Amino acid sequence: MIRSTLRLGAFSALACLLYACGMQQASLPPLGDHSVVLWDADTVDFVPGRAPDTVASADGDYRLDAGRIRLKPIALPHRDRQCAITVEVSLRSAGDPWDKSGTLFAFADAAGRDYLTRMQEGGDADTTRFAGILSNPTETNREAAREPALELLRFITPFGVGHFSHTERAQAYKPESVGAWADSVHWSADLSHMQSWLTDADTLWVGVYIDTWTDEGYTVSARITMDESDLPCDVALTQRTRPLLNTTKLAHDQRPFTAFPDGPLTIPFTLDAPAAGATLDFLTTGHGGHAGGDEFTEQEHIVLLDGDTLKAWTPWRTDCGAYRRLNPTSGFWPSTYVYGGDTLEERVASSDLSRSNWCPGDDVKPLRLPLGDLAAGEHTLEITIPGAQPWTDSTFNFWNIAAILHVK
């Protein structure tokens, strides 16, 4: 009886929605779902001097940074109806045994062409503007007008998944808690809220980057799917999306961003019109420094908008042990503890250790910060990591930070 009532209620709600739709506006014609394969078991590796770098391949994508970046121009079709848009990524080690930072990113139209041009020309990559600290997109100077990459999905590769999963050594060191090593890793992200940005572009330049330093690297598969709504009045969101900054190293001659020990990172931006219900998607991961560095120490973040604190928190992951089956080549150390008066020993893997907002084998979820209503005109975003440690010849501390603004 309860189940029948629920079904009737759902049917009634749908009927009311369709009736209201008919009363408010004309029906939007269906145009169908869409899917595009970005890469299918393609290689991301590091082979300096290999030709041709920065030249389009037969299937239309570019191999950049000696193979650590693949860049592909695509076009996603416009839809008047709302779509459920998903990006899916699968990855296997092809011989790289380490955990490496990675990202699936995109530029729209001229910003993508400019990125490709400066990768081909080189020479000016190691600047704050190249790193994605947006100055002013209305400036006529090409470098000052640059926009940062928009991250679709940030991830960290596991230690050796796939290539090393079935080796004798991996089997010999497999802990009892792991039934079998995984053969690959898969991630997905919902991009539906960025439908306008993704589909309004004539050309969407989608890239994948992995910070590998081996000539074996990884094999990557990725696709974007658009599932159109079945409801004739489900109008696509008109939300505008804008990447404000991205400090991830996305060029061969760019250094990691290491300036947080020197003070706040300030990003000015301008709104041409008032914005209601604005939000900010914020990504952060700390890297380097070995055991006492920013990767393995808790570092408070403070984000301010126009001088007011949006959020102060410490991004920190304590659940990395849940991804042990993805990490067959992770190093480990014996650890002892006392339980019930007995001294016990267990192996602790590197992949199990807590880190600055990431785990080997998992993706990095953005933190969504509500901004409320914003007036037209000048605004300033400020990011502070008060305890960030400096980069030295032996510590290599740096932070990959990205922020994406969404306004209605």
Protein backbone atom coordinates (compact mmCIF):
# COMPACT_ATOMS: atom_id res chain seq x y z
CA MET A 1 0.00 0.00 0.00
CA ILE A 2 2.80 2.40 0.90
CA ARG A 3 4.70 1.54 -2.29
CA SER A 4 1.59 2.12 -4.42
CA THR A 5 1.03 5.47 -2.73
CA LEU A 6 4.61 6.53 -3.41
CA ARG A 7 4.33 5.55 -7.07
CA LEU A 8 1.07 7.48 -7.40
CA GLY A 9 2.68 10.49 -5.71
CA ALA A 10 5.65 10.43 -8.07
CA PHE A 11 3.33 10.12 -11.09
CA SER A 12 1.21 13.01 -9.85
CA ALA A 13 4.30 15.17 -9.31
CA LEU A 14 5.52 14.43 -12.84
CA ALA A 15 2.08 15.19 -14.27
CA CYS A 16 1.98 18.52 -12.40
CA LEU A 17 5.44 19.37 -13.64
CA LEU A 18 4.53 18.63 -17.25
CA TYR A 19 1.31 20.66 -16.90
CA ALA A 20 3.19 23.59 -15.43
CA CYS A 21 5.72 23.29 -18.21
CA GLY A 22 3.00 23.54 -20.81
CA MET A 23 1.50 26.56 -19.11
CA GLN A 24 4.79 28.45 -18.88
CA GLN A 25 6.59 27.94 -22.18
CA ALA A 26 6.74 26.06 -25.43
CA SER A 27 8.09 22.55 -25.50
CA LEU A 28 11.80 22.24 -26.29
CA PRO A 29 12.47 19.70 -29.04
CA PRO A 30 14.73 16.75 -28.14
CA LEU A 31 18.09 16.73 -29.89
CA GLY A 32 19.45 13.56 -28.32
CA ASP A 33 22.34 12.40 -26.18
CA HIS A 34 25.96 12.83 -27.17
CA SER A 35 29.27 11.20 -26.30
CA VAL A 36 32.86 11.93 -27.33
CA VAL A 37 35.89 9.73 -26.72
CA LEU A 38 38.88 11.85 -25.76
CA TRP A 39 41.48 9.08 -25.45
CA ASP A 40 41.26 5.30 -25.65
CA ALA A 41 44.18 3.60 -23.86
CA ASP A 42 46.50 6.36 -25.08
CA THR A 43 49.89 6.92 -23.50
CA VAL A 44 50.94 9.78 -21.23
CA ASP A 45 54.69 9.50 -20.68
CA PHE A 46 57.93 11.48 -20.59
CA VAL A 47 60.25 11.10 -23.59
CA PRO A 48 62.40 14.24 -24.08
CA GLY A 49 63.47 14.90 -27.64
CA ARG A 50 60.84 12.69 -29.21
CA ALA A 51 59.50 14.13 -32.45
CA PRO A 52 57.04 15.47 -33.15
CA ASP A 53 56.21 17.30 -29.92
CA THR A 54 53.52 20.03 -30.24
CA VAL A 55 52.46 18.69 -33.67
CA ALA A 56 48.94 17.34 -34.20
CA SER A 57 48.66 13.56 -34.47
CA ALA A 58 46.59 11.68 -37.03
CA ASP A 59 43.57 11.61 -34.70
CA GLY A 60 43.78 15.35 -33.97
CA ASP A 61 45.40 15.63 -30.55
CA TYR A 62 48.71 17.17 -29.55
CA ARG A 63 51.46 15.63 -27.45
CA LEU A 64 53.05 18.36 -25.29
CA ASP A 65 55.73 18.62 -22.60
CA ALA A 66 57.61 15.59 -23.98
CA GLY A 67 54.44 13.49 -23.69
CA ARG A 68 53.23 14.42 -20.20
CA ILE A 69 50.33 16.42 -21.66
CA ARG A 70 47.84 15.39 -24.32
CA LEU A 71 45.66 18.18 -25.74
CA LYS A 72 42.66 17.58 -27.97
CA PRO A 73 40.28 20.08 -29.63
CA ILE A 74 36.65 18.96 -29.58
CA ALA A 75 33.19 20.51 -29.86
CA LEU A 76 30.23 19.67 -27.64
CA PRO A 77 26.82 20.34 -29.21
CA HIS A 78 24.49 22.99 -27.86
CA ARG A 79 21.32 21.71 -26.17
CA ASP A 80 18.33 23.83 -25.17
CA ARG A 81 17.37 21.22 -22.59
CA GLN A 82 19.37 20.54 -19.46
CA CYS A 83 21.86 17.69 -19.82
CA ALA A 84 23.53 15.40 -17.30
CA ILE A 85 27.16 15.82 -18.36
CA THR A 86 29.76 13.39 -17.05
CA VAL A 87 33.48 12.97 -17.62
CA GLU A 88 34.93 9.51 -17.03
CA VAL A 89 38.62 8.64 -16.74
CA SER A 90 40.33 5.22 -16.54
CA LEU A 91 44.04 4.80 -15.90
CA ARG A 92 46.69 2.05 -15.74
CA SER A 93 50.38 2.27 -15.09
CA ALA A 94 52.39 1.29 -18.15
CA GLY A 95 55.55 1.02 -16.08
CA ASP A 96 55.63 4.08 -13.79
CA PRO A 97 55.61 2.72 -10.21
CA TRP A 98 55.03 6.05 -8.42
CA ASP A 99 52.08 8.16 -7.32
CA LYS A 100 51.78 11.26 -9.51
CA SER A 101 49.50 14.28 -9.61
CA GLY A 102 47.27 14.57 -12.65
CA THR A 103 44.36 16.51 -14.03
CA LEU A 104 41.86 16.62 -16.85
CA PHE A 105 41.57 20.30 -17.83
CA ALA A 106 40.09 22.49 -20.54
CA PHE A 107 40.32 25.86 -22.26
CA ALA A 108 37.57 27.48 -24.35
CA ASP A 109 38.17 28.91 -27.82
CA ALA A 110 40.91 31.58 -27.95
CA ALA A 111 42.30 30.64 -24.54
CA GLY A 112 43.03 27.13 -25.83
CA ARG A 113 44.62 28.37 -29.03
CA ASP A 114 46.79 30.73 -27.00
CA TYR A 115 47.84 27.88 -24.68
CA LEU A 116 48.86 25.74 -27.64
CA THR A 117 50.73 28.65 -29.24
CA ARG A 118 52.76 29.43 -26.14
CA MET A 119 53.52 25.73 -25.65
CA GLN A 120 54.81 25.60 -29.22
CA GLU A 121 56.76 28.85 -28.94
CA GLY A 122 57.98 28.38 -25.35
CA GLY A 123 60.08 30.97 -23.60
CA ASP A 124 57.49 32.67 -21.38
CA ALA A 125 55.91 29.80 -19.48
CA ASP A 126 57.53 30.45 -16.11
CA THR A 127 55.42 33.45 -15.14
CA THR A 128 52.58 33.89 -12.69
CA ARG A 129 50.20 34.63 -15.55
CA PHE A 130 51.06 31.38 -17.29
CA ALA A 131 50.52 29.56 -14.00
CA GLY A 132 46.95 30.80 -14.14
CA ILE A 133 46.85 33.85 -11.91
CA LEU A 134 44.37 35.86 -13.89
CA SER A 135 45.15 39.53 -14.39
CA ASN A 136 42.40 41.03 -16.53
CA PRO A 137 40.90 39.25 -19.54
CA THR A 138 39.91 42.59 -21.12
CA GLU A 139 43.52 43.76 -21.49
CA THR A 140 44.85 43.93 -25.04
CA ASN A 141 48.28 42.56 -24.09
CA ARG A 142 48.22 38.86 -24.99
CA GLU A 143 50.03 37.63 -21.88
CA ALA A 144 48.03 39.85 -19.49
CA ALA A 145 44.74 38.67 -21.01
CA ARG A 146 45.40 34.98 -20.53
CA GLU A 147 42.91 32.75 -18.76
CA PRO A 148 43.86 29.79 -16.59
CA ALA A 149 42.98 26.19 -17.29
CA LEU A 150 39.63 25.01 -15.94
CA GLU A 151 40.00 21.67 -14.17
CA LEU A 152 37.35 19.11 -15.00
CA LEU A 153 38.76 16.35 -12.77
CA ARG A 154 41.90 16.34 -10.60
CA PHE A 155 43.37 12.99 -9.61
CA ILE A 156 46.42 11.31 -8.11
CA THR A 157 47.69 8.16 -9.78
CA PRO A 158 48.14 5.11 -7.55
CA PHE A 159 51.47 3.37 -7.05
CA GLY A 160 51.84 1.06 -10.05
CA VAL A 161 48.25 -0.10 -10.61
CA GLY A 162 47.95 -2.33 -13.67
CA HIS A 163 51.49 -2.89 -14.88
CA PHE A 164 52.68 -4.16 -11.49
CA SER A 165 49.42 -5.63 -10.18
CA HIS A 166 50.19 -9.20 -11.22
CA THR A 167 53.94 -9.42 -10.57
CA GLU A 168 55.40 -11.96 -8.15
CA ARG A 169 56.68 -9.20 -5.91
CA ALA A 170 53.24 -7.58 -5.69
CA GLN A 171 51.68 -10.90 -4.77
CA ALA A 172 54.36 -11.61 -2.17
CA TYR A 173 53.83 -8.27 -0.43
CA LYS A 174 50.03 -8.19 -0.70
CA PRO A 175 48.52 -7.59 2.76
CA GLU A 176 45.78 -9.85 4.09
CA SER A 177 43.29 -6.99 3.85
CA VAL A 178 43.66 -6.90 0.04
CA GLY A 179 41.89 -9.75 -1.73
CA ALA A 180 43.44 -8.89 -5.10
CA TRP A 181 45.31 -5.94 -6.52
CA ALA A 182 43.18 -3.77 -8.81
CA ASP A 183 44.11 -3.80 -12.49
CA SER A 184 43.13 -0.17 -13.16
CA VAL A 185 41.52 2.84 -11.51
CA HIS A 186 38.42 4.77 -12.59
CA TRP A 187 37.09 8.22 -11.73
CA SER A 188 34.15 10.34 -12.86
CA ALA A 189 32.90 13.87 -12.28
CA ASP A 190 29.55 15.60 -12.80
CA LEU A 191 29.96 18.62 -15.09
CA SER A 192 26.27 19.39 -15.56
CA HIS A 193 26.50 22.76 -13.80
CA MET A 194 28.99 23.90 -16.48
CA GLN A 195 26.81 23.05 -19.48
CA SER A 196 26.86 26.60 -20.86
CA TRP A 197 30.64 26.92 -20.63
CA LEU A 198 31.22 23.49 -22.17
CA THR A 199 28.76 23.78 -25.05
CA ASP A 200 28.89 27.48 -25.93
CA ALA A 201 32.52 27.21 -27.02
CA ASP A 202 33.14 26.70 -30.74
CA THR A 203 36.24 24.71 -29.77
CA LEU A 204 36.87 23.12 -26.39
CA TRP A 205 40.54 22.29 -25.86
CA VAL A 206 40.61 19.35 -23.44
CA GLY A 207 43.90 18.21 -21.97
CA VAL A 208 45.20 15.51 -19.65
CA TYR A 209 48.36 16.03 -17.62
CA ILE A 210 50.28 13.53 -15.46
CA ASP A 211 53.49 14.51 -13.68
CA THR A 212 55.34 11.39 -14.81
CA TRP A 213 59.10 11.28 -15.27
CA THR A 214 59.33 7.83 -16.91
CA ASP A 215 59.27 6.84 -20.57
CA GLU A 216 56.74 4.09 -19.76
CA GLY A 217 54.22 6.41 -18.12
CA TYR A 218 50.52 5.55 -18.07
CA THR A 219 47.68 4.57 -20.40
CA VAL A 220 44.61 6.77 -20.13
CA SER A 221 41.07 6.48 -21.42
CA ALA A 222 38.58 9.34 -21.09
CA ARG A 223 35.20 10.31 -22.45
CA ILE A 224 32.54 12.99 -21.98
CA THR A 225 28.86 12.01 -22.16
CA MET A 226 25.80 14.25 -22.40
CA ASP A 227 22.44 12.72 -21.43
CA GLU A 228 19.66 15.07 -22.48
CA SER A 229 16.68 15.51 -20.17
CA ASP A 230 13.48 13.71 -21.19
CA LEU A 231 11.34 16.61 -19.95
CA PRO A 232 10.33 19.01 -22.76
CA CYS A 233 10.47 22.05 -20.46
CA ASP A 234 13.72 21.28 -18.62
CA VAL A 235 15.55 24.39 -19.81
CA ALA A 236 19.35 24.32 -19.70
CA LEU A 237 20.92 26.39 -16.95
CA THR A 238 22.26 29.76 -18.05
CA GLN A 239 24.91 29.78 -15.32
CA ARG A 240 28.17 31.38 -16.39
CA THR A 241 31.46 29.72 -15.49
CA ARG A 242 34.86 31.34 -15.28
CA PRO A 243 38.22 29.92 -14.14
CA LEU A 244 39.92 32.44 -11.86
CA LEU A 245 43.25 30.72 -11.22
CA ASN A 246 45.16 27.49 -11.59
CA THR A 247 48.70 27.07 -10.27
CA THR A 248 49.26 23.52 -11.55
CA LYS A 249 52.42 23.19 -13.65
CA LEU A 250 51.15 22.83 -17.22
CA ALA A 251 54.27 23.61 -19.26
CA HIS A 252 57.73 22.13 -19.69
CA ASP A 253 59.53 25.28 -18.54
CA GLN A 254 57.13 26.30 -15.78
CA ARG A 255 58.05 25.79 -12.14
CA PRO A 256 55.61 24.62 -9.45
CA PHE A 257 53.93 27.48 -7.57
CA THR A 258 55.97 28.08 -4.42
CA ALA A 259 55.00 31.63 -3.34
CA PHE A 260 52.58 30.88 -0.48
CA PRO A 261 55.33 31.09 2.19
CA ASP A 262 55.86 34.70 1.03
CA GLY A 263 52.28 35.81 1.63
CA PRO A 264 48.73 35.72 0.21
CA LEU A 265 47.93 35.04 -3.41
CA THR A 266 45.62 37.82 -4.66
CA ILE A 267 43.42 37.43 -7.74
CA PRO A 268 41.45 40.46 -8.97
CA PHE A 269 38.43 39.88 -11.21
CA THR A 270 35.67 41.98 -12.72
CA LEU A 271 31.96 41.29 -13.11
CA ASP A 272 30.24 43.11 -15.96
CA ALA A 273 26.83 42.69 -14.33
CA PRO A 274 25.42 41.82 -10.89
CA ALA A 275 25.46 38.10 -10.09
CA ALA A 276 22.92 36.25 -7.97
CA GLY A 277 23.73 33.08 -6.07
CA ALA A 278 27.40 32.96 -7.04
CA THR A 279 29.56 30.01 -5.98
CA LEU A 280 33.26 29.22 -6.03
CA ASP A 281 34.68 25.73 -6.64
CA PHE A 282 38.04 25.48 -4.86
CA LEU A 283 40.70 22.80 -5.38
CA THR A 284 43.87 22.44 -3.32
CA THR A 285 46.56 19.78 -2.91
CA GLY A 286 49.91 20.10 -1.12
CA HIS A 287 52.99 18.34 -2.49
CA GLY A 288 56.64 17.66 -1.80
CA GLY A 289 58.73 18.12 1.28
CA HIS A 290 59.15 14.46 2.25
CA ALA A 291 57.97 13.46 5.74
CA GLY A 292 58.00 16.95 7.26
CA GLY A 293 56.90 18.89 4.19
CA ASP A 294 53.59 20.36 3.13
CA GLU A 295 52.42 17.05 1.66
CA PHE A 296 52.51 15.41 5.08
CA THR A 297 51.77 18.31 7.43
CA GLU A 298 48.41 19.94 8.10
CA GLN A 299 48.31 23.46 6.69
CA GLU A 300 45.46 25.88 7.35
CA HIS A 301 43.90 27.64 4.36
CA ILE A 302 42.13 31.00 4.51
CA VAL A 303 40.07 32.25 1.56
CA LEU A 304 38.80 35.83 1.51
CA LEU A 305 36.54 37.69 -0.92
CA ASP A 306 36.77 41.47 -0.92
CA GLY A 307 38.42 41.35 2.49
CA ASP A 308 35.81 39.12 4.17
CA THR A 309 36.68 35.55 5.19
CA LEU A 310 34.80 32.97 3.13
CA LYS A 311 36.29 29.96 4.88
CA ALA A 312 39.20 28.99 7.10
CA TRP A 313 39.94 25.27 7.27
CA THR A 314 42.66 22.65 7.02
CA PRO A 315 42.31 20.38 3.94
CA TRP A 316 43.53 16.96 5.08
CA ARG A 317 42.79 13.35 4.06
CA THR A 318 42.92 10.63 6.72
CA ASP A 319 41.24 7.83 4.72
CA CYS A 320 44.06 6.92 2.31
CA GLY A 321 44.26 3.36 3.62
CA ALA A 322 40.92 2.70 1.91
CA TYR A 323 42.73 2.75 -1.46
CA ARG A 324 45.38 0.18 -0.60
CA ARG A 325 44.26 -2.30 -3.30
CA LEU A 326 45.11 0.29 -5.97
CA ASN A 327 48.74 0.62 -4.87
CA PRO A 328 50.76 -2.58 -5.49
CA THR A 329 54.18 -0.83 -5.58
CA SER A 330 53.72 1.40 -2.54
CA GLY A 331 56.64 1.20 -0.13
CA PHE A 332 55.95 0.17 3.45
CA TRP A 333 57.50 0.23 6.89
CA PRO A 334 56.99 -1.92 9.99
CA SER A 335 55.03 -0.20 12.72
CA THR A 336 54.41 -1.39 16.29
CA TYR A 337 51.58 -0.60 18.67
CA VAL A 338 50.35 -1.88 22.01
CA TYR A 339 46.94 -3.52 22.26
CA GLY A 340 45.67 -5.30 25.38
CA GLY A 341 49.14 -5.27 26.87
CA ASP A 342 50.66 -6.98 23.82
CA THR A 343 53.07 -5.33 21.41
CA LEU A 344 51.88 -5.95 17.86
CA GLU A 345 53.51 -5.20 14.53
CA GLU A 346 51.95 -4.31 11.20
CA ARG A 347 53.11 -2.93 7.87
CA VAL A 348 52.16 0.67 7.07
CA ALA A 349 52.25 1.53 3.36
CA SER A 350 53.19 4.93 2.03
CA SER A 351 49.85 5.02 0.22
CA ASP A 352 48.08 4.68 3.61
CA LEU A 353 49.55 7.89 5.06
CA SER A 354 47.40 10.98 5.56
CA ARG A 355 48.12 13.84 3.18
CA SER A 356 47.27 17.43 2.27
CA ASN A 357 43.87 16.80 0.68
CA TRP A 358 44.76 13.83 -1.53
CA CYS A 359 45.27 10.08 -1.51
CA PRO A 360 47.17 7.94 -4.06
CA GLY A 361 44.50 6.42 -6.31
CA ASP A 362 41.65 8.85 -5.62
CA ASP A 363 40.33 11.96 -7.32
CA VAL A 364 40.25 15.34 -5.57
CA LYS A 365 36.79 16.76 -4.97
CA PRO A 366 36.35 20.53 -5.23
CA LEU A 367 35.09 22.43 -2.19
CA ARG A 368 32.06 24.55 -3.15
CA LEU A 369 31.91 27.90 -1.38
CA PRO A 370 28.68 29.99 -1.57
CA LEU A 371 29.40 33.64 -2.36
CA GLY A 372 25.85 35.00 -2.33
CA ASP A 373 24.93 37.94 -4.55
CA LEU A 374 27.83 39.91 -6.04
CA ALA A 375 27.67 43.46 -7.35
CA ALA A 376 28.98 44.43 -10.75
CA GLY A 377 32.51 45.81 -10.78
CA GLU A 378 35.87 44.96 -9.25
CA HIS A 379 36.37 42.09 -6.78
CA THR A 380 39.38 40.47 -5.15
CA LEU A 381 39.91 36.86 -4.15
CA GLU A 382 42.70 36.23 -1.64
CA ILE A 383 44.19 32.86 -0.67
CA THR A 384 46.50 32.41 2.30
CA ILE A 385 48.35 29.34 3.58
CA PRO A 386 50.03 30.83 6.67
CA GLY A 387 52.20 27.81 7.51
CA ALA A 388 53.28 26.94 3.97
CA GLN A 389 56.92 25.92 3.92
CA PRO A 390 59.48 27.20 1.41
CA TRP A 391 60.84 25.29 -1.56
CA THR A 392 64.45 24.28 -1.01
CA ASP A 393 66.95 22.09 -2.83
CA SER A 394 65.88 19.17 -0.64
CA THR A 395 62.22 19.77 0.30
CA PHE A 396 60.36 20.78 -2.93
CA ASN A 397 57.21 22.12 -1.23
CA PHE A 398 54.50 23.48 -3.54
CA TRP A 399 50.70 23.79 -3.83
CA ASN A 400 48.35 23.14 -6.76
CA ILE A 401 45.44 25.55 -6.29
CA ALA A 402 42.49 26.20 -8.61
CA ALA A 403 39.32 28.27 -8.31
CA ILE A 404 36.30 28.35 -10.63
CA LEU A 405 33.58 31.03 -10.35
CA HIS A 406 29.95 30.21 -11.19
CA VAL A 407 27.38 33.04 -11.50
CA LYS A 408 23.77 33.09 -12.61
